[in-house]
Amino acid sequence: MPLRDLTDDERDCARSLAKAGVLTIERNECYVRSAELPVFQRKRVRLALSGGVIALILALVVAVLILHR
């Protein structure tokens, strides 16, 4: 996909995905690296799950502190 067809936000996203190794940008065109997609998806799921666990632990700590008083 040509970069000129993308909006500014989409270009920024494409650059971020290129840094993550999911896209290749050559001669002002984007190419998806399909072999890297499963690795990227696993990292994204792992990040979401770890964030959820941290939020749950924080909620439990706050609940215990509130109920303890």
PDB file of N, CA and C in Angstrom:
ATOM      1  N   MET A   1       0.845  -1.161   0.000  1.00  0.00           N
ATOM      2  CA  MET A   1       0.000   0.000   0.000  1.00  0.00           C
ATOM      3  C   MET A   1       0.900   1.237   0.000  1.00  0.00           C
ATOM      4  N   PRO A   2       0.667   2.163  -0.882  1.00  0.00           N
ATOM      5  CA  PRO A   2       1.490   3.379  -0.928  1.00  0.00           C
ATOM      6  C   PRO A   2       1.280   4.248   0.308  1.00  0.00           C
ATOM      7  N   LEU A   3       2.362   4.820   0.821  1.00  0.00           N
ATOM      8  CA  LEU A   3       2.265   5.680   1.995  1.00  0.00           C
ATOM      9  C   LEU A   3       1.460   6.940   1.709  1.00  0.00           C
ATOM     10  N   ARG A   4       1.476   7.421   0.483  1.00  0.00           N
ATOM     11  CA  ARG A   4       0.749   8.657   0.151  1.00  0.00           C
ATOM     12  C   ARG A   4      -0.764   8.480   0.271  1.00  0.00           C
ATOM     13  N   ASP A   5      -1.243   7.239   0.239  1.00  0.00           N
ATOM     14  CA  ASP A   5      -2.679   6.973   0.385  1.00  0.00           C
ATOM     15  C   ASP A   5      -3.120   6.960   1.844  1.00  0.00           C
ATOM     16  N   LEU A   6      -2.170   7.016   2.763  1.00  0.00           N
ATOM     17  CA  LEU A   6      -2.491   6.934   4.186  1.00  0.00           C
ATOM     18  C   LEU A   6      -2.617   8.330   4.797  1.00  0.00           C
ATOM     19  N   THR A   7      -3.428   8.429   5.850  1.00  0.00           N
ATOM     20  CA  THR A   7      -3.519   9.681   6.596  1.00  0.00           C
ATOM     21  C   THR A   7      -2.284   9.811   7.480  1.00  0.00           C
ATOM     22  N   ASP A   8      -2.127  10.972   8.103  1.00  0.00           N
ATOM     23  CA  ASP A   8      -0.972  11.185   8.981  1.00  0.00           C
ATOM     24  C   ASP A   8      -0.951  10.185  10.126  1.00  0.00           C
ATOM     25  N   ASP A   9      -2.117   9.932  10.715  1.00  0.00           N
ATOM     26  CA  ASP A   9      -2.196   8.967  11.816  1.00  0.00           C
ATOM     27  C   ASP A   9      -1.844   7.557  11.341  1.00  0.00           C
ATOM     28  N   GLU A  10      -2.320   7.200  10.169  1.00  0.00           N
ATOM     29  CA  GLU A  10      -2.019   5.871   9.626  1.00  0.00           C
ATOM     30  C   GLU A  10      -0.541   5.737   9.302  1.00  0.00           C
ATOM     31  N   ARG A  11       0.086   6.813   8.836  1.00  0.00           N
ATOM     32  CA  ARG A  11       1.536   6.772   8.575  1.00  0.00           C
ATOM     33  C   ARG A  11       2.312   6.594   9.867  1.00  0.00           C
ATOM     34  N   ASP A  12       1.893   7.304  10.924  1.00  0.00           N
ATOM     35  CA  ASP A  12       2.545   7.138  12.225  1.00  0.00           C
ATOM     36  C   ASP A  12       2.396   5.707  12.732  1.00  0.00           C
ATOM     37  N   CYS A  13       1.205   5.163  12.571  1.00  0.00           N
ATOM     38  CA  CYS A  13       0.961   3.775  12.975  1.00  0.00           C
ATOM     39  C   CYS A  13       1.818   2.812  12.158  1.00  0.00           C
ATOM     40  N   ALA A  14       1.930   3.068  10.862  1.00  0.00           N
ATOM     41  CA  ALA A  14       2.745   2.208   9.998  1.00  0.00           C
ATOM     42  C   ALA A  14       4.208   2.256  10.419  1.00  0.00           C
ATOM     43  N   ARG A  15       4.685   3.434  10.787  1.00  0.00           N
ATOM     44  CA  ARG A  15       6.081   3.545  11.249  1.00  0.00           C
ATOM     45  C   ARG A  15       6.288   2.783  12.555  1.00  0.00           C
ATOM     46  N   SER A  16       5.301   2.867  13.442  1.00  0.00           N
ATOM     47  CA  SER A  16       5.393   2.125  14.708  1.00  0.00           C
ATOM     48  C   SER A  16       5.387   0.618  14.464  1.00  0.00           C
ATOM     49  N   LEU A  17       4.522   0.173  13.555  1.00  0.00           N
ATOM     50  CA  LEU A  17       4.485  -1.255  13.233  1.00  0.00           C
ATOM     51  C   LEU A  17       5.759  -1.698  12.523  1.00  0.00           C
ATOM     52  N   ALA A  18       6.373  -0.809  11.761  1.00  0.00           N
ATOM     53  CA  ALA A  18       7.646  -1.137  11.120  1.00  0.00           C
ATOM     54  C   ALA A  18       8.740  -1.306  12.177  1.00  0.00           C
ATOM     55  N   LYS A  19       8.705  -0.452  13.211  1.00  0.00           N
ATOM     56  CA  LYS A  19       9.681  -0.592  14.307  1.00  0.00           C
ATOM     57  C   LYS A  19       9.457  -1.892  15.068  1.00  0.00           C
ATOM     58  N   ALA A  20       8.186  -2.316  15.163  1.00  0.00           N
ATOM     59  CA  ALA A  20       7.865  -3.571  15.856  1.00  0.00           C
ATOM     60  C   ALA A  20       8.182  -4.786  15.005  1.00  0.00           C
ATOM     61  N   GLY A  21       8.461  -4.570  13.709  1.00  0.00           N
ATOM     62  CA  GLY A  21       8.830  -5.681  12.838  1.00  0.00           C
ATOM     63  C   GLY A  21       7.681  -6.309  12.094  1.00  0.00           C
ATOM     64  N   VAL A  22       6.501  -5.690  12.138  1.00  0.00           N
ATOM     65  CA  VAL A  22       5.331  -6.264  11.479  1.00  0.00           C
ATOM     66  C   VAL A  22       5.207  -5.779  10.041  1.00  0.00           C
ATOM     67  N   LEU A  23       5.646  -4.561   9.777  1.00  0.00           N
ATOM     68  CA  LEU A  23       5.591  -3.981   8.428  1.00  0.00           C
ATOM     69  C   LEU A  23       6.997  -3.715   7.913  1.00  0.00           C
ATOM     70  N   THR A  24       7.108  -3.702   6.606  1.00  0.00           N
ATOM     71  CA  THR A  24       8.324  -3.263   5.952  1.00  0.00           C
ATOM     72  C   THR A  24       7.951  -2.073   5.085  1.00  0.00           C
ATOM     73  N   ILE A  25       8.709  -0.992   5.212  1.00  0.00           N
ATOM     74  CA  ILE A  25       8.470   0.194   4.394  1.00  0.00           C
ATOM     75  C   ILE A  25       9.654   0.346   3.450  1.00  0.00           C
ATOM     76  N   GLU A  26       9.376   0.199   2.171  1.00  0.00           N
ATOM     77  CA  GLU A  26      10.403   0.330   1.126  1.00  0.00           C
ATOM     78  C   GLU A  26       9.855   1.186   0.001  1.00  0.00           C
ATOM     79  N   ARG A  27      10.635   2.119  -0.445  1.00  0.00           N
ATOM     80  CA  ARG A  27      10.276   2.981  -1.580  1.00  0.00           C
ATOM     81  C   ARG A  27       8.857   3.541  -1.425  1.00  0.00           C
ATOM     82  N   ASN A  28       8.582   4.083  -0.232  1.00  0.00           N
ATOM     83  CA  ASN A  28       7.288   4.710   0.078  1.00  0.00           C
ATOM     84  C   ASN A  28       6.097   3.766  -0.065  1.00  0.00           C
ATOM     85  N   GLU A  29       6.299   2.485   0.175  1.00  0.00           N
ATOM     86  CA  GLU A  29       5.203   1.510   0.178  1.00  0.00           C
ATOM     87  C   GLU A  29       5.330   0.625   1.410  1.00  0.00           C
ATOM     88  N   CYS A  30       4.181   0.181   1.920  1.00  0.00           N
ATOM     89  CA  CYS A  30       4.128  -0.680   3.103  1.00  0.00           C
ATOM     90  C   CYS A  30       3.855  -2.119   2.686  1.00  0.00           C
ATOM     91  N   TYR A  31       4.556  -3.021   3.310  1.00  0.00           N
ATOM     92  CA  TYR A  31       4.344  -4.452   3.074  1.00  0.00           C
ATOM     93  C   TYR A  31       4.194  -5.147   4.424  1.00  0.00           C
ATOM     94  N   VAL A  32       3.172  -5.951   4.566  1.00  0.00           N
ATOM     95  CA  VAL A  32       2.953  -6.703   5.804  1.00  0.00           C
ATOM     96  C   VAL A  32       3.872  -7.917   5.806  1.00  0.00           C
ATOM     97  N   ARG A  33       4.538  -8.122   6.920  1.00  0.00           N
ATOM     98  CA  ARG A  33       5.398  -9.295   7.087  1.00  0.00           C
ATOM     99  C   ARG A  33       4.562 -10.351   7.806  1.00  0.00           C
ATOM    100  N   SER A  34       3.871 -11.161   7.028  1.00  0.00           N
ATOM    101  CA  SER A  34       2.900 -12.102   7.598  1.00  0.00           C
ATOM    102  C   SER A  34       3.539 -13.104   8.559  1.00  0.00           C
ATOM    103  N   ALA A  35       4.806 -13.399   8.388  1.00  0.00           N
ATOM    104  CA  ALA A  35       5.460 -14.345   9.292  1.00  0.00           C
ATOM    105  C   ALA A  35       5.600 -13.764  10.700  1.00  0.00           C
ATOM    106  N   GLU A  36       5.616 -12.441  10.815  1.00  0.00           N
ATOM    107  CA  GLU A  36       5.787 -11.798  12.115  1.00  0.00           C
ATOM    108  C   GLU A  36       4.471 -11.543  12.838  1.00  0.00           C
ATOM    109  N   LEU A  37       3.347 -11.670  12.164  1.00  0.00           N
ATOM    110  CA  LEU A  37       2.056 -11.372  12.784  1.00  0.00           C
ATOM    111  C   LEU A  37       1.736 -12.232  14.007  1.00  0.00           C
ATOM    112  N   PRO A  38       1.928 -13.553  13.974  1.00  0.00           N
ATOM    113  CA  PRO A  38       1.619 -14.346  15.173  1.00  0.00           C
ATOM    114  C   PRO A  38       2.450 -13.932  16.393  1.00  0.00           C
ATOM    115  N   VAL A  39       3.718 -13.593  16.181  1.00  0.00           N
ATOM    116  CA  VAL A  39       4.571 -13.160  17.286  1.00  0.00           C
ATOM    117  C   VAL A  39       4.039 -11.851  17.864  1.00  0.00           C
ATOM    118  N   PHE A  40       3.674 -10.921  16.975  1.00  0.00           N
ATOM    119  CA  PHE A  40       3.135  -9.631  17.402  1.00  0.00           C
ATOM    120  C   PHE A  40       1.829  -9.815  18.169  1.00  0.00           C
ATOM    121  N   GLN A  41       0.963 -10.691  17.693  1.00  0.00           N
ATOM    122  CA  GLN A  41      -0.314 -10.929  18.372  1.00  0.00           C
ATOM    123  C   GLN A  41      -0.112 -11.535  19.749  1.00  0.00           C
ATOM    124  N   ARG A  42       0.848 -12.449  19.881  1.00  0.00           N
ATOM    125  CA  ARG A  42       1.133 -13.039  21.192  1.00  0.00           C
ATOM    126  C   ARG A  42       1.638 -11.979  22.166  1.00  0.00           C
ATOM    127  N   LYS A  43       2.505 -11.088  21.686  1.00  0.00           N
ATOM    128  CA  LYS A  43       3.017 -10.026  22.545  1.00  0.00           C
ATOM    129  C   LYS A  43       1.889  -9.097  22.981  1.00  0.00           C
ATOM    130  N   ARG A  44       0.986  -8.792  22.059  1.00  0.00           N
ATOM    131  CA  ARG A  44      -0.129  -7.898  22.372  1.00  0.00           C
ATOM    132  C   ARG A  44      -1.054  -8.535  23.402  1.00  0.00           C
ATOM    133  N   VAL A  45      -1.350  -9.812  23.264  1.00  0.00           N
ATOM    134  CA  VAL A  45      -2.209 -10.514  24.223  1.00  0.00           C
ATOM    135  C   VAL A  45      -1.515 -10.598  25.573  1.00  0.00           C
ATOM    136  N   ARG A  46      -0.230 -10.881  25.583  1.00  0.00           N
ATOM    137  CA  ARG A  46       0.520 -10.964  26.835  1.00  0.00           C
ATOM    138  C   ARG A  46       0.501  -9.624  27.568  1.00  0.00           C
ATOM    139  N   LEU A  47       0.658  -8.529  26.824  1.00  0.00           N
ATOM    140  CA  LEU A  47       0.622  -7.197  27.422  1.00  0.00           C
ATOM    141  C   LEU A  47      -0.759  -6.900  28.001  1.00  0.00           C
ATOM    142  N   ALA A  48      -1.809  -7.245  27.284  1.00  0.00           N
ATOM    143  CA  ALA A  48      -3.172  -7.012  27.770  1.00  0.00           C
ATOM    144  C   ALA A  48      -3.447  -7.830  29.025  1.00  0.00           C
ATOM    145  N   LEU A  49      -3.038  -9.080  29.037  1.00  0.00           N
ATOM    146  CA  LEU A  49      -3.271  -9.936  30.202  1.00  0.00           C
ATOM    147  C   LEU A  49      -2.482  -9.466  31.419  1.00  0.00           C
ATOM    148  N   SER A  50      -1.237  -9.076  31.216  1.00  0.00           N
ATOM    149  CA  SER A  50      -0.445  -8.608  32.355  1.00  0.00           C
ATOM    150  C   SER A  50      -1.009  -7.301  32.898  1.00  0.00           C
ATOM    151  N   GLY A  51      -1.511  -6.433  32.030  1.00  0.00           N
ATOM    152  CA  GLY A  51      -2.149  -5.206  32.494  1.00  0.00           C
ATOM    153  C   GLY A  51      -3.401  -5.503  33.291  1.00  0.00           C
ATOM    154  N   GLY A  52      -4.174  -6.471  32.853  1.00  0.00           N
ATOM    155  CA  GLY A  52      -5.377  -6.862  33.579  1.00  0.00           C
ATOM    156  C   GLY A  52      -5.065  -7.446  34.944  1.00  0.00           C
ATOM    157  N   VAL A  53      -4.041  -8.260  35.018  1.00  0.00           N
ATOM    158  CA  VAL A  53      -3.647  -8.862  36.302  1.00  0.00           C
ATOM    159  C   VAL A  53      -3.159  -7.778  37.261  1.00  0.00           C
ATOM    160  N   ILE A  54      -2.382  -6.834  36.759  1.00  0.00           N
ATOM    161  CA  ILE A  54      -1.896  -5.744  37.612  1.00  0.00           C
ATOM    162  C   ILE A  54      -3.068  -4.904  38.116  1.00  0.00           C
ATOM    163  N   ALA A  55      -4.044  -4.628  37.248  1.00  0.00           N
ATOM    164  CA  ALA A  55      -5.225  -3.861  37.667  1.00  0.00           C
ATOM    165  C   ALA A  55      -6.022  -4.622  38.722  1.00  0.00           C
ATOM    166  N   LEU A  56      -6.151  -5.918  38.565  1.00  0.00           N
ATOM    167  CA  LEU A  56      -6.872  -6.727  39.546  1.00  0.00           C
ATOM    168  C   LEU A  56      -6.162  -6.716  40.898  1.00  0.00           C
ATOM    169  N   ILE A  57      -4.859  -6.863  40.888  1.00  0.00           N
ATOM    170  CA  ILE A  57      -4.092  -6.837  42.139  1.00  0.00           C
ATOM    171  C   ILE A  57      -4.229  -5.477  42.814  1.00  0.00           C
ATOM    172  N   LEU A  58      -4.138  -4.413  42.038  1.00  0.00           N
ATOM    173  CA  LEU A  58      -4.285  -3.070  42.599  1.00  0.00           C
ATOM    174  C   LEU A  58      -5.683  -2.870  43.184  1.00  0.00           C
ATOM    175  N   ALA A  59      -6.709  -3.365  42.503  1.00  0.00           N
ATOM    176  CA  ALA A  59      -8.077  -3.255  43.011  1.00  0.00           C
ATOM    177  C   ALA A  59      -8.237  -4.034  44.315  1.00  0.00           C
ATOM    178  N   LEU A  60      -7.636  -5.205  44.393  1.00  0.00           N
ATOM    179  CA  LEU A  60      -7.703  -5.994  45.625  1.00  0.00           C
ATOM    180  C   LEU A  60      -6.997  -5.291  46.782  1.00  0.00           C
ATOM    181  N   VAL A  61      -5.862  -4.695  46.513  1.00  0.00           N
ATOM    182  CA  VAL A  61      -5.124  -3.971  47.560  1.00  0.00           C
ATOM    183  C   VAL A  61      -5.950  -2.794  48.055  1.00  0.00           C
ATOM    184  N   VAL A  62      -6.541  -2.042  47.137  1.00  0.00           N
ATOM    185  CA  VAL A  62      -7.365  -0.900  47.532  1.00  0.00           C
ATOM    186  C   VAL A  62      -8.586  -1.373  48.322  1.00  0.00           C
ATOM    187  N   ALA A  63      -9.224  -2.459  47.905  1.00  0.00           N
ATOM    188  CA  ALA A  63     -10.381  -2.993  48.608  1.00  0.00           C
ATOM    189  C   ALA A  63     -10.000  -3.435  50.014  1.00  0.00           C
ATOM    190  N   VAL A  64      -8.876  -4.091  50.172  1.00  0.00           N
ATOM    191  CA  VAL A  64      -8.432  -4.548  51.488  1.00  0.00           C
ATOM    192  C   VAL A  64      -8.137  -3.334  52.375  1.00  0.00           C
ATOM    193  N   LEU A  65      -7.504  -2.316  51.834  1.00  0.00           N
ATOM    194  CA  LEU A  65      -7.216  -1.118  52.615  1.00  0.00           C
ATOM    195  C   LEU A  65      -8.494  -0.408  53.053  1.00  0.00           C
ATOM    196  N   ILE A  66      -9.464  -0.326  52.180  1.00  0.00           N
ATOM    197  CA  ILE A  66     -10.726   0.333  52.514  1.00  0.00           C
ATOM    198  C   ILE A  66     -11.489  -0.482  53.566  1.00  0.00           C
ATOM    199  N   LEU A  67     -11.560  -1.793  53.406  1.00  0.00           N
ATOM    200  CA  LEU A  67     -12.308  -2.639  54.335  1.00  0.00           C
ATOM    201  C   LEU A  67     -11.597  -2.793  55.677  1.00  0.00           C
ATOM    202  N   HIS A  68     -10.308  -2.617  55.700  1.00  0.00           N
ATOM    203  CA  HIS A  68      -9.530  -2.798  56.929  1.00  0.00           C
ATOM    204  C   HIS A  68      -9.787  -1.635  57.893  1.00  0.00           C
ATOM    205  N   ARG A  69     -10.098  -0.478  57.383  1.00  0.00           N
ATOM    206  CA  ARG A  69     -10.323   0.708  58.256  1.00  0.00           C
ATOM    207  C   ARG A  69     -11.609   0.640  58.924  1.00  0.00           C
TER     208      ARG A  69
END
